[in-house]
Amino acid sequence: MTWCDALETMRTVQGVVAIIFGVGLSYLIEYWPKFEELDAKIKRLVIVGICLTVPLVALGLAWATGCVANPTGEDVWQAVMVGGVVFLGSQFAHTREL
């Protein structure tokens, strides 16, 4: 996926949904009581881990259940890009605190 492809994805319904999901995730995880006690860097690592894990696990499940015959590098890269967009959405949710 090129830079232009990534920007095009962010202009699509899927890109917008990913951003909205990231914002929602950001607010949802704040309900975990121990989360507020973590250092800001650790919080970001937890969020990026969740954001990258979900689409990669979904790709793995799609492959395991036969929805995707043979995942390619492009499929993996797209899952990582979706995770990145979700992470950016989650970080955008906290710009109000700056």
N, C-alpha and C. Protein backbone atom coordinates (compact mmCIF):
# COMPACT_ATOMS: atom_id res chain seq x y z
N MET A 1 0.85 -1.17 0.00
CA MET A 1 0.00 0.00 0.00
C MET A 1 0.90 1.24 0.00
N THR A 2 0.60 2.15 -0.86
CA THR A 2 1.37 3.39 -0.96
C THR A 2 0.77 4.45 -0.03
N TRP A 3 1.48 5.56 0.10
CA TRP A 3 0.99 6.69 0.90
C TRP A 3 -0.35 7.17 0.35
N CYS A 4 -0.44 7.27 -0.98
CA CYS A 4 -1.69 7.72 -1.60
C CYS A 4 -2.83 6.74 -1.33
N ASP A 5 -2.52 5.44 -1.35
CA ASP A 5 -3.54 4.43 -1.02
C ASP A 5 -4.02 4.59 0.42
N ALA A 6 -3.08 4.86 1.33
CA ALA A 6 -3.45 5.04 2.74
C ALA A 6 -4.36 6.26 2.90
N LEU A 7 -4.02 7.35 2.22
CA LEU A 7 -4.87 8.54 2.30
C LEU A 7 -6.23 8.29 1.67
N GLU A 8 -6.25 7.52 0.60
CA GLU A 8 -7.53 7.18 -0.03
C GLU A 8 -8.39 6.34 0.91
N THR A 9 -7.76 5.40 1.60
CA THR A 9 -8.49 4.56 2.56
C THR A 9 -9.11 5.40 3.66
N MET A 10 -8.37 6.40 4.13
CA MET A 10 -8.88 7.23 5.21
C MET A 10 -10.06 8.09 4.76
N ARG A 11 -10.24 8.24 3.44
CA ARG A 11 -11.37 9.01 2.92
C ARG A 11 -12.58 8.12 2.66
N THR A 12 -12.45 6.83 2.88
CA THR A 12 -13.55 5.91 2.62
C THR A 12 -14.36 5.67 3.89
N VAL A 13 -15.46 4.98 3.72
CA VAL A 13 -16.30 4.62 4.87
C VAL A 13 -15.50 3.79 5.86
N GLN A 14 -14.70 2.85 5.36
CA GLN A 14 -13.91 2.00 6.25
C GLN A 14 -12.92 2.83 7.06
N GLY A 15 -12.30 3.81 6.43
CA GLY A 15 -11.36 4.66 7.15
C GLY A 15 -12.04 5.48 8.23
N VAL A 16 -13.20 6.01 7.90
CA VAL A 16 -13.95 6.82 8.87
C VAL A 16 -14.42 5.94 10.02
N VAL A 17 -14.90 4.75 9.71
CA VAL A 17 -15.34 3.82 10.76
C VAL A 17 -14.16 3.46 11.67
N ALA A 18 -12.98 3.26 11.08
CA ALA A 18 -11.80 2.94 11.88
C ALA A 18 -11.47 4.08 12.84
N ILE A 19 -11.57 5.31 12.36
CA ILE A 19 -11.30 6.46 13.23
C ILE A 19 -12.33 6.53 14.35
N ILE A 20 -13.60 6.34 14.01
CA ILE A 20 -14.66 6.36 15.02
C ILE A 20 -14.44 5.24 16.04
N PHE A 21 -14.06 4.06 15.57
CA PHE A 21 -13.78 2.94 16.47
C PHE A 21 -12.63 3.30 17.41
N GLY A 22 -11.61 3.95 16.88
CA GLY A 22 -10.48 4.35 17.71
C GLY A 22 -10.88 5.33 18.80
N VAL A 23 -11.72 6.29 18.44
CA VAL A 23 -12.21 7.25 19.44
C VAL A 23 -13.03 6.51 20.50
N GLY A 24 -13.91 5.62 20.06
CA GLY A 24 -14.72 4.84 21.00
C GLY A 24 -13.87 3.97 21.90
N LEU A 25 -12.85 3.33 21.33
CA LEU A 25 -11.94 2.51 22.13
C LEU A 25 -11.23 3.34 23.18
N SER A 26 -10.84 4.54 22.80
CA SER A 26 -10.15 5.41 23.72
C SER A 26 -11.01 5.74 24.94
N TYR A 27 -12.28 6.00 24.71
CA TYR A 27 -13.18 6.28 25.82
C TYR A 27 -13.53 5.02 26.60
N LEU A 28 -13.69 3.91 25.90
CA LEU A 28 -14.07 2.65 26.54
C LEU A 28 -12.99 2.17 27.51
N ILE A 29 -11.73 2.26 27.11
CA ILE A 29 -10.66 1.74 27.95
C ILE A 29 -10.47 2.58 29.22
N GLU A 30 -10.96 3.80 29.20
CA GLU A 30 -10.88 4.64 30.41
C GLU A 30 -11.74 4.10 31.55
N TYR A 31 -12.67 3.19 31.24
CA TYR A 31 -13.50 2.59 32.30
C TYR A 31 -12.75 1.52 33.07
N TRP A 32 -11.58 1.09 32.57
CA TRP A 32 -10.74 0.13 33.28
C TRP A 32 -10.02 0.90 34.38
N PRO A 33 -10.30 0.62 35.65
CA PRO A 33 -9.78 1.44 36.75
C PRO A 33 -8.25 1.55 36.79
N LYS A 34 -7.55 0.50 36.51
CA LYS A 34 -6.08 0.52 36.60
C LYS A 34 -5.44 1.29 35.44
N PHE A 35 -6.20 1.57 34.38
CA PHE A 35 -5.64 2.23 33.21
C PHE A 35 -5.14 3.63 33.55
N GLU A 36 -5.87 4.35 34.37
CA GLU A 36 -5.49 5.72 34.72
C GLU A 36 -4.19 5.78 35.52
N GLU A 37 -3.83 4.70 36.19
CA GLU A 37 -2.61 4.67 36.99
C GLU A 37 -1.36 4.46 36.13
N LEU A 38 -1.54 4.05 34.89
CA LEU A 38 -0.40 3.77 34.02
C LEU A 38 0.25 5.04 33.51
N ASP A 39 1.54 4.95 33.20
CA ASP A 39 2.28 6.05 32.59
C ASP A 39 1.73 6.28 31.18
N ALA A 40 1.82 7.49 30.68
CA ALA A 40 1.27 7.83 29.36
C ALA A 40 1.88 6.97 28.25
N LYS A 41 3.18 6.67 28.33
CA LYS A 41 3.81 5.85 27.30
C LYS A 41 3.26 4.42 27.32
N ILE A 42 3.03 3.89 28.51
CA ILE A 42 2.47 2.54 28.63
C ILE A 42 1.04 2.52 28.10
N LYS A 43 0.28 3.58 28.38
CA LYS A 43 -1.09 3.67 27.88
C LYS A 43 -1.09 3.61 26.35
N ARG A 44 -0.20 4.37 25.72
CA ARG A 44 -0.12 4.37 24.26
C ARG A 44 0.26 2.99 23.73
N LEU A 45 1.18 2.30 24.41
CA LEU A 45 1.57 0.96 23.98
C LEU A 45 0.41 -0.02 24.09
N VAL A 46 -0.37 0.09 25.16
CA VAL A 46 -1.53 -0.78 25.33
C VAL A 46 -2.53 -0.54 24.20
N ILE A 47 -2.81 0.73 23.92
CA ILE A 47 -3.78 1.07 22.87
C ILE A 47 -3.28 0.62 21.50
N VAL A 48 -2.01 0.89 21.17
CA VAL A 48 -1.50 0.47 19.86
C VAL A 48 -1.49 -1.05 19.76
N GLY A 49 -1.22 -1.74 20.85
CA GLY A 49 -1.27 -3.20 20.84
C GLY A 49 -2.66 -3.71 20.53
N ILE A 50 -3.66 -3.12 21.16
CA ILE A 50 -5.05 -3.51 20.89
C ILE A 50 -5.42 -3.19 19.44
N CYS A 51 -5.05 -1.98 19.01
CA CYS A 51 -5.40 -1.53 17.66
C CYS A 51 -4.78 -2.39 16.57
N LEU A 52 -3.59 -2.89 16.79
CA LEU A 52 -2.94 -3.74 15.79
C LEU A 52 -3.38 -5.19 15.90
N THR A 53 -3.67 -5.63 17.11
CA THR A 53 -4.03 -7.03 17.32
C THR A 53 -5.40 -7.36 16.72
N VAL A 54 -6.37 -6.50 16.91
CA VAL A 54 -7.74 -6.80 16.45
C VAL A 54 -7.80 -7.07 14.95
N PRO A 55 -7.29 -6.18 14.08
CA PRO A 55 -7.40 -6.49 12.65
C PRO A 55 -6.53 -7.67 12.22
N LEU A 56 -5.38 -7.88 12.87
CA LEU A 56 -4.55 -9.02 12.51
C LEU A 56 -5.20 -10.34 12.94
N VAL A 57 -5.84 -10.35 14.10
CA VAL A 57 -6.58 -11.55 14.53
C VAL A 57 -7.77 -11.79 13.59
N ALA A 58 -8.43 -10.71 13.19
CA ALA A 58 -9.55 -10.86 12.25
C ALA A 58 -9.07 -11.46 10.93
N LEU A 59 -7.90 -11.03 10.45
CA LEU A 59 -7.34 -11.61 9.24
C LEU A 59 -7.02 -13.08 9.44
N GLY A 60 -6.44 -13.41 10.60
CA GLY A 60 -6.14 -14.81 10.91
C GLY A 60 -7.39 -15.67 10.97
N LEU A 61 -8.44 -15.14 11.58
CA LEU A 61 -9.71 -15.88 11.64
C LEU A 61 -10.33 -16.03 10.25
N ALA A 62 -10.21 -14.99 9.43
CA ALA A 62 -10.72 -15.07 8.06
C ALA A 62 -9.99 -16.16 7.28
N TRP A 63 -8.70 -16.26 7.49
CA TRP A 63 -7.91 -17.30 6.83
C TRP A 63 -8.27 -18.69 7.38
N ALA A 64 -8.39 -18.80 8.71
CA ALA A 64 -8.67 -20.08 9.35
C ALA A 64 -10.06 -20.62 8.98
N THR A 65 -11.00 -19.72 8.76
CA THR A 65 -12.36 -20.16 8.45
C THR A 65 -12.65 -20.21 6.96
N GLY A 66 -11.65 -19.91 6.14
CA GLY A 66 -11.81 -20.02 4.70
C GLY A 66 -12.37 -18.80 4.01
N CYS A 67 -12.52 -17.69 4.73
CA CYS A 67 -13.01 -16.46 4.10
C CYS A 67 -11.94 -15.85 3.20
N VAL A 68 -10.69 -16.06 3.54
CA VAL A 68 -9.56 -15.62 2.74
C VAL A 68 -8.73 -16.85 2.45
N ALA A 69 -8.55 -17.17 1.17
CA ALA A 69 -7.86 -18.41 0.80
C ALA A 69 -6.38 -18.38 1.22
N ASN A 70 -5.65 -17.45 0.73
CA ASN A 70 -4.23 -17.32 1.06
C ASN A 70 -3.91 -15.86 1.31
N PRO A 71 -3.83 -15.44 2.58
CA PRO A 71 -3.53 -14.04 2.86
C PRO A 71 -2.16 -13.66 2.26
N THR A 72 -2.13 -12.52 1.64
CA THR A 72 -0.89 -12.02 1.04
C THR A 72 -0.29 -10.95 1.94
N GLY A 73 0.88 -10.51 1.57
CA GLY A 73 1.49 -9.40 2.29
C GLY A 73 0.63 -8.16 2.26
N GLU A 74 -0.09 -7.96 1.15
CA GLU A 74 -1.00 -6.82 1.03
C GLU A 74 -2.12 -6.91 2.06
N ASP A 75 -2.63 -8.11 2.29
CA ASP A 75 -3.69 -8.30 3.29
C ASP A 75 -3.18 -7.94 4.69
N VAL A 76 -1.97 -8.40 5.00
CA VAL A 76 -1.37 -8.11 6.31
C VAL A 76 -1.13 -6.61 6.44
N TRP A 77 -0.57 -6.00 5.39
CA TRP A 77 -0.29 -4.56 5.42
C TRP A 77 -1.58 -3.77 5.61
N GLN A 78 -2.65 -4.18 4.93
CA GLN A 78 -3.92 -3.49 5.07
C GLN A 78 -4.45 -3.60 6.51
N ALA A 79 -4.30 -4.77 7.12
CA ALA A 79 -4.72 -4.94 8.52
C ALA A 79 -3.91 -4.03 9.44
N VAL A 80 -2.61 -3.93 9.19
CA VAL A 80 -1.75 -3.05 9.99
C VAL A 80 -2.16 -1.59 9.78
N MET A 81 -2.47 -1.21 8.54
CA MET A 81 -2.89 0.17 8.27
C MET A 81 -4.20 0.49 8.98
N VAL A 82 -5.13 -0.44 8.97
CA VAL A 82 -6.40 -0.22 9.69
C VAL A 82 -6.12 -0.02 11.17
N GLY A 83 -5.25 -0.86 11.73
CA GLY A 83 -4.87 -0.70 13.13
C GLY A 83 -4.25 0.66 13.40
N GLY A 84 -3.44 1.13 12.47
CA GLY A 84 -2.82 2.46 12.61
C GLY A 84 -3.85 3.57 12.57
N VAL A 85 -4.82 3.46 11.69
CA VAL A 85 -5.88 4.47 11.61
C VAL A 85 -6.70 4.47 12.89
N VAL A 86 -7.00 3.28 13.40
CA VAL A 86 -7.74 3.20 14.67
C VAL A 86 -6.93 3.84 15.79
N PHE A 87 -5.62 3.58 15.83
CA PHE A 87 -4.76 4.18 16.85
C PHE A 87 -4.77 5.70 16.73
N LEU A 88 -4.66 6.22 15.52
CA LEU A 88 -4.70 7.67 15.33
C LEU A 88 -6.02 8.25 15.83
N GLY A 89 -7.11 7.54 15.55
CA GLY A 89 -8.42 7.99 16.06
C GLY A 89 -8.46 8.02 17.57
N SER A 90 -7.84 7.01 18.19
CA SER A 90 -7.85 6.97 19.66
C SER A 90 -7.02 8.11 20.24
N GLN A 91 -5.94 8.46 19.57
CA GLN A 91 -5.11 9.55 20.06
C GLN A 91 -5.78 10.90 19.82
N PHE A 92 -6.51 11.01 18.71
CA PHE A 92 -7.25 12.23 18.41
C PHE A 92 -8.28 12.53 19.49
N ALA A 93 -8.84 11.50 20.08
CA ALA A 93 -9.84 11.67 21.12
C ALA A 93 -9.29 12.42 22.32
N HIS A 94 -7.99 12.39 22.51
CA HIS A 94 -7.40 13.02 23.69
C HIS A 94 -6.76 14.37 23.39
N THR A 95 -6.94 14.88 22.18
CA THR A 95 -6.38 16.21 21.89
C THR A 95 -7.07 17.29 22.70
N ARG A 96 -8.25 17.00 23.20
CA ARG A 96 -8.96 17.97 24.04
C ARG A 96 -8.21 18.27 25.33
N GLU A 97 -7.32 17.34 25.73
CA GLU A 97 -6.59 17.50 26.98
C GLU A 97 -5.29 18.29 26.80
N LEU A 98 -4.93 18.61 25.57
CA LEU A 98 -3.67 19.33 25.32
C LEU A 98 -3.78 20.79 25.65
